[in-house]
């Protein structure tokens, strides 16, 4: 797969969870943006394993950043997204 989600990959080459210290394969994409920094259509992404999906979603949600949670298998990045910060 070639998409701008994360540079971290597991030993199998699969994308890994964005939670600190987690090396589990990612199964969720959390699309978000910070309205103070990003245009409304801009989507940044974090990846999550099953265990960390709720925690990462809550972290982004309480800040008003979370826009969407999509299964990694179903994620289609917007054509304008080229990198992750």
PDB file of N, CA and C in Angstrom:
ATOM      1  N   UNK A   1       0.829  -1.180   0.000  1.00  0.00           N
ATOM      2  CA  UNK A   1       0.000   0.000   0.000  1.00  0.00           C
ATOM      3  C   UNK A   1       0.873   1.242   0.000  1.00  0.00           C
ATOM      4  N   UNK A   2       0.435   2.226  -0.704  1.00  0.00           N
ATOM      5  CA  UNK A   2       1.175   3.474  -0.719  1.00  0.00           C
ATOM      6  C   UNK A   2       0.212   4.605  -0.404  1.00  0.00           C
ATOM      7  N   UNK A   3       0.242   5.060   0.831  1.00  0.00           N
ATOM      8  CA  UNK A   3      -0.607   6.175   1.218  1.00  0.00           C
ATOM      9  C   UNK A   3       0.077   6.951   2.321  1.00  0.00           C
ATOM     10  N   UNK A   4      -0.267   8.231   2.474  1.00  0.00           N
ATOM     11  CA  UNK A   4       0.456   9.105   3.398  1.00  0.00           C
ATOM     12  C   UNK A   4      -0.040   9.003   4.829  1.00  0.00           C
ATOM     13  N   UNK A   5      -0.018   7.819   5.415  1.00  0.00           N
ATOM     14  CA  UNK A   5      -0.546   7.680   6.757  1.00  0.00           C
ATOM     15  C   UNK A   5       0.547   7.739   7.812  1.00  0.00           C
ATOM     16  N   UNK A   6       1.573   6.957   7.642  1.00  0.00           N
ATOM     17  CA  UNK A   6       2.610   6.906   8.657  1.00  0.00           C
ATOM     18  C   UNK A   6       3.870   6.298   8.064  1.00  0.00           C
ATOM     19  N   UNK A   7       4.997   6.642   8.625  1.00  0.00           N
ATOM     20  CA  UNK A   7       6.240   6.034   8.168  1.00  0.00           C
ATOM     21  C   UNK A   7       6.548   4.775   8.960  1.00  0.00           C
ATOM     22  N   UNK A   8       5.835   4.537  10.061  1.00  0.00           N
ATOM     23  CA  UNK A   8       6.079   3.367  10.890  1.00  0.00           C
ATOM     24  C   UNK A   8       5.413   2.146  10.288  1.00  0.00           C
ATOM     25  N   UNK A   9       6.174   1.081  10.181  1.00  0.00           N
ATOM     26  CA  UNK A   9       5.648  -0.169   9.672  1.00  0.00           C
ATOM     27  C   UNK A   9       6.103  -1.300  10.577  1.00  0.00           C
ATOM     28  N   UNK A  10       5.291  -2.346  10.651  1.00  0.00           N
ATOM     29  CA  UNK A  10       5.655  -3.518  11.437  1.00  0.00           C
ATOM     30  C   UNK A  10       6.697  -4.322  10.684  1.00  0.00           C
ATOM     31  N   UNK A  11       7.142  -5.397  11.287  1.00  0.00           N
ATOM     32  CA  UNK A  11       8.121  -6.276  10.643  1.00  0.00           C
ATOM     33  C   UNK A  11       7.564  -6.874   9.349  1.00  0.00           C
ATOM     34  N   UNK A  12       6.252  -6.954   9.241  1.00  0.00           N
ATOM     35  CA  UNK A  12       5.620  -7.507   8.045  1.00  0.00           C
ATOM     36  C   UNK A  12       5.408  -6.439   6.978  1.00  0.00           C
ATOM     37  N   UNK A  13       5.740  -5.189   7.290  1.00  0.00           N
ATOM     38  CA  UNK A  13       5.540  -4.103   6.346  1.00  0.00           C
ATOM     39  C   UNK A  13       4.188  -3.440   6.465  1.00  0.00           C
ATOM     40  N   UNK A  14       3.353  -3.925   7.384  1.00  0.00           N
ATOM     41  CA  UNK A  14       2.026  -3.339   7.587  1.00  0.00           C
ATOM     42  C   UNK A  14       2.149  -2.065   8.430  1.00  0.00           C
ATOM     43  N   UNK A  15       1.289  -1.076   8.200  1.00  0.00           N
ATOM     44  CA  UNK A  15       1.298   0.136   9.022  1.00  0.00           C
ATOM     45  C   UNK A  15       0.995  -0.211  10.483  1.00  0.00           C
ATOM     46  N   UNK A  16       1.606   0.523  11.404  1.00  0.00           N
ATOM     47  CA  UNK A  16       1.402   0.259  12.831  1.00  0.00           C
ATOM     48  C   UNK A  16       0.629   1.391  13.491  1.00  0.00           C
ATOM     49  N   UNK A  17       0.105   1.076  14.642  1.00  0.00           N
ATOM     50  CA  UNK A  17      -0.667   2.008  15.451  1.00  0.00           C
ATOM     51  C   UNK A  17       0.170   3.240  15.805  1.00  0.00           C
ATOM     52  N   UNK A  18      -0.482   4.402  15.845  1.00  0.00           N
ATOM     53  CA  UNK A  18       0.189   5.656  16.179  1.00  0.00           C
ATOM     54  C   UNK A  18       0.344   5.892  17.684  1.00  0.00           C
ATOM     55  N   UNK A  19      -0.280   5.046  18.511  1.00  0.00           N
ATOM     56  CA  UNK A  19      -0.160   5.213  19.965  1.00  0.00           C
ATOM     57  C   UNK A  19       1.290   5.021  20.387  1.00  0.00           C
ATOM     58  N   UNK A  20       1.726   5.860  21.311  1.00  0.00           N
ATOM     59  CA  UNK A  20       3.120   5.828  21.763  1.00  0.00           C
ATOM     60  C   UNK A  20       3.504   4.437  22.259  1.00  0.00           C
ATOM     61  N   UNK A  21       4.565   3.901  21.681  1.00  0.00           N
ATOM     62  CA  UNK A  21       5.101   2.616  22.096  1.00  0.00           C
ATOM     63  C   UNK A  21       4.384   1.396  21.537  1.00  0.00           C
ATOM     64  N   UNK A  22       3.277   1.594  20.834  1.00  0.00           N
ATOM     65  CA  UNK A  22       2.525   0.459  20.291  1.00  0.00           C
ATOM     66  C   UNK A  22       3.132   0.039  18.958  1.00  0.00           C
ATOM     67  N   UNK A  23       3.308  -1.253  18.776  1.00  0.00           N
ATOM     68  CA  UNK A  23       3.843  -1.792  17.522  1.00  0.00           C
ATOM     69  C   UNK A  23       2.820  -2.710  16.842  1.00  0.00           C
ATOM     70  N   UNK A  24       1.559  -2.670  17.301  1.00  0.00           N
ATOM     71  CA  UNK A  24       0.516  -3.515  16.724  1.00  0.00           C
ATOM     72  C   UNK A  24       0.126  -3.006  15.341  1.00  0.00           C
ATOM     73  N   UNK A  25      -0.315  -3.924  14.498  1.00  0.00           N
ATOM     74  CA  UNK A  25      -0.791  -3.537  13.169  1.00  0.00           C
ATOM     75  C   UNK A  25      -1.993  -2.612  13.313  1.00  0.00           C
ATOM     76  N   UNK A  26      -2.024  -1.582  12.503  1.00  0.00           N
ATOM     77  CA  UNK A  26      -3.139  -0.644  12.501  1.00  0.00           C
ATOM     78  C   UNK A  26      -4.314  -1.241  11.740  1.00  0.00           C
ATOM     79  N   UNK A  27      -5.522  -0.976  12.241  1.00  0.00           N
ATOM     80  CA  UNK A  27      -6.735  -1.406  11.548  1.00  0.00           C
ATOM     81  C   UNK A  27      -7.719  -0.250  11.371  1.00  0.00           C
ATOM     82  N   UNK A  28      -7.417   0.903  11.957  1.00  0.00           N
ATOM     83  CA  UNK A  28      -8.282   2.083  11.867  1.00  0.00           C
ATOM     84  C   UNK A  28      -7.486   3.293  11.425  1.00  0.00           C
ATOM     85  N   UNK A  29      -8.155   4.185  10.696  1.00  0.00           N
ATOM     86  CA  UNK A  29      -7.607   5.484  10.330  1.00  0.00           C
ATOM     87  C   UNK A  29      -8.451   6.534  11.041  1.00  0.00           C
ATOM     88  N   UNK A  30      -7.806   7.407  11.801  1.00  0.00           N
ATOM     89  CA  UNK A  30      -8.481   8.523  12.455  1.00  0.00           C
ATOM     90  C   UNK A  30      -8.117   9.779  11.681  1.00  0.00           C
ATOM     91  N   UNK A  31      -9.093  10.326  10.988  1.00  0.00           N
ATOM     92  CA  UNK A  31      -8.872  11.534  10.191  1.00  0.00           C
ATOM     93  C   UNK A  31      -9.211  12.739  11.060  1.00  0.00           C
ATOM     94  N   UNK A  32      -8.326  13.729  11.062  1.00  0.00           N
ATOM     95  CA  UNK A  32      -8.521  14.879  11.936  1.00  0.00           C
ATOM     96  C   UNK A  32      -7.920  16.126  11.315  1.00  0.00           C
ATOM     97  N   UNK A  33      -8.248  17.258  11.905  1.00  0.00           N
ATOM     98  CA  UNK A  33      -7.543  18.491  11.587  1.00  0.00           C
ATOM     99  C   UNK A  33      -7.673  19.455  12.749  1.00  0.00           C
ATOM    100  N   UNK A  34      -6.708  20.336  12.860  1.00  0.00           N
ATOM    101  CA  UNK A  34      -6.713  21.391  13.868  1.00  0.00           C
ATOM    102  C   UNK A  34      -7.184  22.655  13.153  1.00  0.00           C
ATOM    103  N   UNK A  35      -8.393  23.120  13.447  1.00  0.00           N
ATOM    104  CA  UNK A  35      -8.925  24.271  12.708  1.00  0.00           C
ATOM    105  C   UNK A  35      -8.108  25.547  12.877  1.00  0.00           C
ATOM    106  N   UNK A  36      -7.269  25.618  13.899  1.00  0.00           N
ATOM    107  CA  UNK A  36      -6.407  26.798  14.070  1.00  0.00           C
ATOM    108  C   UNK A  36      -5.207  26.757  13.122  1.00  0.00           C
ATOM    109  N   UNK A  37      -4.888  25.569  12.607  1.00  0.00           N
ATOM    110  CA  UNK A  37      -3.716  25.403  11.749  1.00  0.00           C
ATOM    111  C   UNK A  37      -4.039  24.974  10.326  1.00  0.00           C
ATOM    112  N   UNK A  38      -5.136  24.247  10.139  1.00  0.00           N
ATOM    113  CA  UNK A  38      -5.436  23.625   8.854  1.00  0.00           C
ATOM    114  C   UNK A  38      -6.705  24.197   8.232  1.00  0.00           C
ATOM    115  N   UNK A  39      -6.753  24.181   6.913  1.00  0.00           N
ATOM    116  CA  UNK A  39      -7.974  24.570   6.215  1.00  0.00           C
ATOM    117  C   UNK A  39      -9.044  23.506   6.516  1.00  0.00           C
ATOM    118  N   UNK A  40     -10.324  23.858   6.407  1.00  0.00           N
ATOM    119  CA  UNK A  40     -11.397  22.917   6.776  1.00  0.00           C
ATOM    120  C   UNK A  40     -11.353  21.585   6.025  1.00  0.00           C
ATOM    121  N   UNK A  41     -10.905  21.583   4.780  1.00  0.00           N
ATOM    122  CA  UNK A  41     -10.887  20.335   4.018  1.00  0.00           C
ATOM    123  C   UNK A  41      -9.655  19.471   4.291  1.00  0.00           C
ATOM    124  N   UNK A  42      -8.636  20.006   4.937  1.00  0.00           N
ATOM    125  CA  UNK A  42      -7.388  19.281   5.222  1.00  0.00           C
ATOM    126  C   UNK A  42      -7.648  18.159   6.217  1.00  0.00           C
ATOM    127  N   UNK A  43      -7.120  16.991   5.952  1.00  0.00           N
ATOM    128  CA  UNK A  43      -7.229  15.865   6.871  1.00  0.00           C
ATOM    129  C   UNK A  43      -5.851  15.301   7.172  1.00  0.00           C
ATOM    130  N   UNK A  44      -5.499  15.304   8.444  1.00  0.00           N
ATOM    131  CA  UNK A  44      -4.309  14.631   8.945  1.00  0.00           C
ATOM    132  C   UNK A  44      -4.774  13.238   9.362  1.00  0.00           C
ATOM    133  N   UNK A  45      -3.865  12.292   9.522  1.00  0.00           N
ATOM    134  CA  UNK A  45      -4.276  10.949   9.904  1.00  0.00           C
ATOM    135  C   UNK A  45      -3.388  10.366  10.986  1.00  0.00           C
ATOM    136  N   UNK A  46      -4.028   9.662  11.873  1.00  0.00           N
ATOM    137  CA  UNK A  46      -3.366   8.784  12.825  1.00  0.00           C
ATOM    138  C   UNK A  46      -3.907   7.401  12.551  1.00  0.00           C
ATOM    139  N   UNK A  47      -3.096   6.395  12.834  1.00  0.00           N
ATOM    140  CA  UNK A  47      -3.519   5.009  12.702  1.00  0.00           C
ATOM    141  C   UNK A  47      -3.735   4.433  14.086  1.00  0.00           C
ATOM    142  N   UNK A  48      -4.641   3.477  14.185  1.00  0.00           N
ATOM    143  CA  UNK A  48      -4.923   2.872  15.490  1.00  0.00           C
ATOM    144  C   UNK A  48      -5.160   1.375  15.350  1.00  0.00           C
ATOM    145  N   UNK A  49      -4.698   0.640  16.361  1.00  0.00           N
ATOM    146  CA  UNK A  49      -5.036  -0.771  16.482  1.00  0.00           C
ATOM    147  C   UNK A  49      -6.385  -0.831  17.215  1.00  0.00           C
ATOM    148  N   UNK A  50      -6.950  -2.009  17.337  1.00  0.00           N
ATOM    149  CA  UNK A  50      -8.230  -2.148  18.047  1.00  0.00           C
ATOM    150  C   UNK A  50      -8.127  -1.609  19.480  1.00  0.00           C
ATOM    151  N   UNK A  51      -7.031  -1.934  20.161  1.00  0.00           N
ATOM    152  CA  UNK A  51      -6.872  -1.548  21.566  1.00  0.00           C
ATOM    153  C   UNK A  51      -6.826  -0.036  21.765  1.00  0.00           C
ATOM    154  N   UNK A  52      -6.223   0.712  20.842  1.00  0.00           N
ATOM    155  CA  UNK A  52      -6.019   2.149  21.038  1.00  0.00           C
ATOM    156  C   UNK A  52      -6.988   3.051  20.277  1.00  0.00           C
ATOM    157  N   UNK A  53      -7.883   2.481  19.490  1.00  0.00           N
ATOM    158  CA  UNK A  53      -8.809   3.301  18.696  1.00  0.00           C
ATOM    159  C   UNK A  53      -9.616   4.253  19.567  1.00  0.00           C
ATOM    160  N   UNK A  54     -10.211   3.756  20.623  1.00  0.00           N
ATOM    161  CA  UNK A  54     -11.059   4.596  21.478  1.00  0.00           C
ATOM    162  C   UNK A  54     -10.241   5.676  22.183  1.00  0.00           C
ATOM    163  N   UNK A  55      -9.087   5.318  22.708  1.00  0.00           N
ATOM    164  CA  UNK A  55      -8.250   6.287  23.412  1.00  0.00           C
ATOM    165  C   UNK A  55      -7.803   7.423  22.481  1.00  0.00           C
ATOM    166  N   UNK A  56      -7.303   7.065  21.307  1.00  0.00           N
ATOM    167  CA  UNK A  56      -6.852   8.090  20.364  1.00  0.00           C
ATOM    168  C   UNK A  56      -8.023   8.931  19.857  1.00  0.00           C
ATOM    169  N   UNK A  57      -9.177   8.294  19.648  1.00  0.00           N
ATOM    170  CA  UNK A  57     -10.367   9.025  19.224  1.00  0.00           C
ATOM    171  C   UNK A  57     -10.803  10.029  20.283  1.00  0.00           C
ATOM    172  N   UNK A  58     -10.772   9.623  21.544  1.00  0.00           N
ATOM    173  CA  UNK A  58     -11.142  10.537  22.631  1.00  0.00           C
ATOM    174  C   UNK A  58     -10.162  11.698  22.730  1.00  0.00           C
ATOM    175  N   UNK A  59      -8.879  11.416  22.598  1.00  0.00           N
ATOM    176  CA  UNK A  59      -7.855  12.460  22.661  1.00  0.00           C
ATOM    177  C   UNK A  59      -8.132  13.536  21.616  1.00  0.00           C
ATOM    178  N   UNK A  60      -8.388  13.116  20.381  1.00  0.00           N
ATOM    179  CA  UNK A  60      -8.680  14.074  19.306  1.00  0.00           C
ATOM    180  C   UNK A  60     -10.062  14.700  19.475  1.00  0.00           C
ATOM    181  N   UNK A  61     -11.019  13.914  19.933  1.00  0.00           N
ATOM    182  CA  UNK A  61     -12.392  14.382  20.068  1.00  0.00           C
ATOM    183  C   UNK A  61     -12.571  15.491  21.084  1.00  0.00           C
ATOM    184  N   UNK A  62     -11.931  15.385  22.246  1.00  0.00           N
ATOM    185  CA  UNK A  62     -12.107  16.416  23.272  1.00  0.00           C
ATOM    186  C   UNK A  62     -11.509  17.752  22.830  1.00  0.00           C
ATOM    187  N   UNK A  63     -10.619  17.705  21.867  1.00  0.00           N
ATOM    188  CA  UNK A  63     -10.024  18.932  21.327  1.00  0.00           C
ATOM    189  C   UNK A  63     -10.795  19.467  20.117  1.00  0.00           C
ATOM    190  N   UNK A  64     -11.805  18.712  19.684  1.00  0.00           N
ATOM    191  CA  UNK A  64     -12.580  19.113  18.514  1.00  0.00           C
ATOM    192  C   UNK A  64     -11.860  18.864  17.201  1.00  0.00           C
ATOM    193  N   UNK A  65     -10.861  17.980  17.210  1.00  0.00           N
ATOM    194  CA  UNK A  65     -10.057  17.716  16.017  1.00  0.00           C
ATOM    195  C   UNK A  65     -10.562  16.531  15.196  1.00  0.00           C
ATOM    196  N   UNK A  66     -11.184  15.548  15.825  1.00  0.00           N
ATOM    197  CA  UNK A  66     -11.566  14.314  15.145  1.00  0.00           C
ATOM    198  C   UNK A  66     -12.669  14.577  14.130  1.00  0.00           C
ATOM    199  N   UNK A  67     -12.445  14.133  12.900  1.00  0.00           N
ATOM    200  CA  UNK A  67     -13.413  14.321  11.821  1.00  0.00           C
ATOM    201  C   UNK A  67     -14.040  13.011  11.376  1.00  0.00           C
ATOM    202  N   UNK A  68     -13.273  11.904  11.405  1.00  0.00           N
ATOM    203  CA  UNK A  68     -13.801  10.638  10.915  1.00  0.00           C
ATOM    204  C   UNK A  68     -12.931   9.488  11.410  1.00  0.00           C
ATOM    205  N   UNK A  69     -13.555   8.330  11.593  1.00  0.00           N
ATOM    206  CA  UNK A  69     -12.842   7.088  11.915  1.00  0.00           C
ATOM    207  C   UNK A  69     -13.278   6.067  10.878  1.00  0.00           C
ATOM    208  N   UNK A  70     -12.302   5.525  10.152  1.00  0.00           N
ATOM    209  CA  UNK A  70     -12.578   4.618   9.038  1.00  0.00           C
ATOM    210  C   UNK A  70     -11.671   3.393   9.155  1.00  0.00           C
ATOM    211  N   UNK A  71     -12.206   2.246   8.822  1.00  0.00           N
ATOM    212  CA  UNK A  71     -11.376   1.040   8.785  1.00  0.00           C
ATOM    213  C   UNK A  71     -10.250   1.244   7.774  1.00  0.00           C
ATOM    214  N   UNK A  72      -9.049   0.836   8.140  1.00  0.00           N
ATOM    215  CA  UNK A  72      -7.891   1.004   7.262  1.00  0.00           C
ATOM    216  C   UNK A  72      -8.149   0.407   5.880  1.00  0.00           C
ATOM    217  N   UNK A  73      -8.808  -0.741   5.847  1.00  0.00           N
ATOM    218  CA  UNK A  73      -9.085  -1.402   4.566  1.00  0.00           C
ATOM    219  C   UNK A  73      -9.998  -0.563   3.668  1.00  0.00           C
ATOM    220  N   UNK A  74     -10.799   0.316   4.255  1.00  0.00           N
ATOM    221  CA  UNK A  74     -11.747   1.134   3.500  1.00  0.00           C
ATOM    222  C   UNK A  74     -11.249   2.547   3.239  1.00  0.00           C
ATOM    223  N   UNK A  75     -10.104   2.925   3.805  1.00  0.00           N
ATOM    224  CA  UNK A  75      -9.602   4.298   3.714  1.00  0.00           C
ATOM    225  C   UNK A  75      -9.126   4.633   2.310  1.00  0.00           C
ATOM    226  N   UNK A  76      -9.605   5.738   1.811  1.00  0.00           N
ATOM    227  CA  UNK A  76      -9.135   6.278   0.544  1.00  0.00           C
ATOM    228  C   UNK A  76      -8.702   7.711   0.806  1.00  0.00           C
ATOM    229  N   UNK A  77      -7.395   7.957   0.874  1.00  0.00           N
ATOM    230  CA  UNK A  77      -6.922   9.311   1.173  1.00  0.00           C
ATOM    231  C   UNK A  77      -7.303  10.283   0.074  1.00  0.00           C
ATOM    232  N   UNK A  78      -7.657  11.504   0.454  1.00  0.00           N
ATOM    233  CA  UNK A  78      -7.929  12.524  -0.567  1.00  0.00           C
ATOM    234  C   UNK A  78      -6.714  12.711  -1.479  1.00  0.00           C
ATOM    235  N   UNK A  79      -6.952  13.017  -2.721  1.00  0.00           N
ATOM    236  CA  UNK A  79      -5.864  13.180  -3.685  1.00  0.00           C
ATOM    237  C   UNK A  79      -4.891  14.271  -3.278  1.00  0.00           C
ATOM    238  N   UNK A  80      -5.345  15.266  -2.500  1.00  0.00           N
ATOM    239  CA  UNK A  80      -4.485  16.371  -2.107  1.00  0.00           C
ATOM    240  C   UNK A  80      -3.564  16.033  -0.950  1.00  0.00           C
ATOM    241  N   UNK A  81      -3.831  14.950  -0.210  1.00  0.00           N
ATOM    242  CA  UNK A  81      -2.974  14.582   0.922  1.00  0.00           C
ATOM    243  C   UNK A  81      -1.687  13.944   0.407  1.00  0.00           C
ATOM    244  N   UNK A  82      -0.561  14.507   0.828  1.00  0.00           N
ATOM    245  CA  UNK A  82       0.725  13.977   0.370  1.00  0.00           C
ATOM    246  C   UNK A  82       1.677  13.630   1.496  1.00  0.00           C
ATOM    247  N   UNK A  83       1.376  14.031   2.723  1.00  0.00           N
ATOM    248  CA  UNK A  83       2.313  13.749   3.821  1.00  0.00           C
ATOM    249  C   UNK A  83       1.601  13.788   5.145  1.00  0.00           C
ATOM    250  N   UNK A  84       2.227  13.204   6.133  1.00  0.00           N
ATOM    251  CA  UNK A  84       1.739  13.246   7.499  1.00  0.00           C
ATOM    252  C   UNK A  84       2.759  13.992   8.339  1.00  0.00           C
ATOM    253  N   UNK A  85       2.250  14.813   9.240  1.00  0.00           N
ATOM    254  CA  UNK A  85       3.132  15.533  10.177  1.00  0.00           C
ATOM    255  C   UNK A  85       3.162  14.820  11.501  1.00  0.00           C
TER     256      UNK A  85
END
